[in-house]
Amino acid sequence: MQQEDSANSLKFKVKRFLVECKRVLVITKKPDYSEFQGIVKVSGLGILLIGFIGFLVNLISNFIMGW
């Protein structure tokens, strides 16, 4: 009896998850070209900034360690 309850509970959770996924897919839209360009620029700047910070940390650690 408990296995049936857990199976029904699992089916309910999966069904609810799929309904939520469908709802999200219905309300989302494909970005237009200008929106896409903005996303690419911001992402690129973020990657460059993180890389620059890593480079500075590497330089400082090499300077301190004396390599």
C-alpha atoms as a PDB file:
ATOM      1  CA  MET A   1       0.000   0.000   0.000  1.00  0.00           C
ATOM      2  CA  GLN A   2       2.811   2.386   0.856  1.00  0.00           C
ATOM      3  CA  GLN A   3       4.520   1.690  -2.472  1.00  0.00           C
ATOM      4  CA  GLU A   4       1.363   2.732  -4.327  1.00  0.00           C
ATOM      5  CA  ASP A   5       1.224   5.982  -2.351  1.00  0.00           C
ATOM      6  CA  SER A   6       4.861   6.754  -3.078  1.00  0.00           C
ATOM      7  CA  ALA A   7       4.372   5.872  -6.765  1.00  0.00           C
ATOM      8  CA  ASN A   8       1.314   8.135  -6.962  1.00  0.00           C
ATOM      9  CA  SER A   9       3.224  10.872  -5.161  1.00  0.00           C
ATOM     10  CA  LEU A  10       6.111  10.529  -7.612  1.00  0.00           C
ATOM     11  CA  LYS A  11       3.732  10.629 -10.588  1.00  0.00           C
ATOM     12  CA  PHE A  12       2.080  13.739  -9.162  1.00  0.00           C
ATOM     13  CA  LYS A  13       5.435  15.468  -8.649  1.00  0.00           C
ATOM     14  CA  VAL A  14       6.602  14.630 -12.169  1.00  0.00           C
ATOM     15  CA  LYS A  15       3.310  15.795 -13.683  1.00  0.00           C
ATOM     16  CA  ARG A  16       3.414  19.041 -11.693  1.00  0.00           C
ATOM     17  CA  PHE A  17       7.023  19.622 -12.773  1.00  0.00           C
ATOM     18  CA  LEU A  18       6.126  19.108 -16.439  1.00  0.00           C
ATOM     19  CA  VAL A  19       3.177  21.495 -16.144  1.00  0.00           C
ATOM     20  CA  GLU A  20       5.477  24.141 -14.640  1.00  0.00           C
ATOM     21  CA  CYS A  21       8.034  23.587 -17.415  1.00  0.00           C
ATOM     22  CA  LYS A  22       5.335  24.017 -20.046  1.00  0.00           C
ATOM     23  CA  ARG A  23       4.128  27.211 -18.377  1.00  0.00           C
ATOM     24  CA  VAL A  24       7.650  28.664 -18.396  1.00  0.00           C
ATOM     25  CA  LEU A  25       8.186  27.738 -22.046  1.00  0.00           C
ATOM     26  CA  VAL A  26       4.895  29.367 -23.037  1.00  0.00           C
ATOM     27  CA  ILE A  27       5.706  32.734 -21.433  1.00  0.00           C
ATOM     28  CA  THR A  28       9.333  32.953 -22.592  1.00  0.00           C
ATOM     29  CA  LYS A  29      10.326  34.502 -25.890  1.00  0.00           C
ATOM     30  CA  LYS A  30      13.348  34.470 -28.139  1.00  0.00           C
ATOM     31  CA  PRO A  31      15.409  37.656 -27.694  1.00  0.00           C
ATOM     32  CA  ASP A  32      15.651  39.973 -30.667  1.00  0.00           C
ATOM     33  CA  TYR A  33      19.028  40.814 -32.189  1.00  0.00           C
ATOM     34  CA  SER A  34      19.702  43.976 -30.154  1.00  0.00           C
ATOM     35  CA  GLU A  35      18.798  42.207 -26.920  1.00  0.00           C
ATOM     36  CA  PHE A  36      21.111  39.341 -27.890  1.00  0.00           C
ATOM     37  CA  GLN A  37      23.944  41.781 -28.609  1.00  0.00           C
ATOM     38  CA  GLY A  38      23.520  43.329 -25.157  1.00  0.00           C
ATOM     39  CA  ILE A  39      23.635  39.924 -23.493  1.00  0.00           C
ATOM     40  CA  VAL A  40      26.786  38.997 -25.435  1.00  0.00           C
ATOM     41  CA  LYS A  41      28.492  42.291 -24.524  1.00  0.00           C
ATOM     42  CA  VAL A  42      27.697  42.022 -20.823  1.00  0.00           C
ATOM     43  CA  SER A  43      28.731  38.358 -20.705  1.00  0.00           C
ATOM     44  CA  GLY A  44      31.967  39.095 -22.555  1.00  0.00           C
ATOM     45  CA  LEU A  45      32.828  41.972 -20.249  1.00  0.00           C
ATOM     46  CA  GLY A  46      32.173  39.764 -17.233  1.00  0.00           C
ATOM     47  CA  ILE A  47      34.449  37.041 -18.574  1.00  0.00           C
ATOM     48  CA  LEU A  48      37.195  39.566 -19.326  1.00  0.00           C
ATOM     49  CA  LEU A  49      36.876  41.130 -15.871  1.00  0.00           C
ATOM     50  CA  ILE A  50      37.122  37.780 -14.099  1.00  0.00           C
ATOM     51  CA  GLY A  51      40.109  36.818 -16.273  1.00  0.00           C
ATOM     52  CA  PHE A  52      41.844  40.115 -15.504  1.00  0.00           C
ATOM     53  CA  ILE A  53      41.283  39.655 -11.776  1.00  0.00           C
ATOM     54  CA  GLY A  54      42.724  36.131 -12.004  1.00  0.00           C
ATOM     55  CA  PHE A  55      45.724  37.465 -13.918  1.00  0.00           C
ATOM     56  CA  LEU A  56      46.348  40.116 -11.253  1.00  0.00           C
ATOM     57  CA  VAL A  57      46.096  37.540  -8.475  1.00  0.00           C
ATOM     58  CA  ASN A  58      48.588  35.356 -10.352  1.00  0.00           C
ATOM     59  CA  LEU A  59      51.005  38.268 -10.804  1.00  0.00           C
ATOM     60  CA  ILE A  60      50.779  39.234  -7.142  1.00  0.00           C
ATOM     61  CA  SER A  61      51.258  35.649  -5.959  1.00  0.00           C
ATOM     62  CA  ASN A  62      54.278  35.230  -8.256  1.00  0.00           C
ATOM     63  CA  PHE A  63      55.729  38.483  -6.940  1.00  0.00           C
ATOM     64  CA  ILE A  64      55.226  37.444  -3.306  1.00  0.00           C
ATOM     65  CA  MET A  65      56.567  33.902  -3.825  1.00  0.00           C
ATOM     66  CA  GLY A  66      59.495  35.222  -5.852  1.00  0.00           C
ATOM     67  CA  TRP A  67      59.090  32.932  -8.857  1.00  0.00           C
END
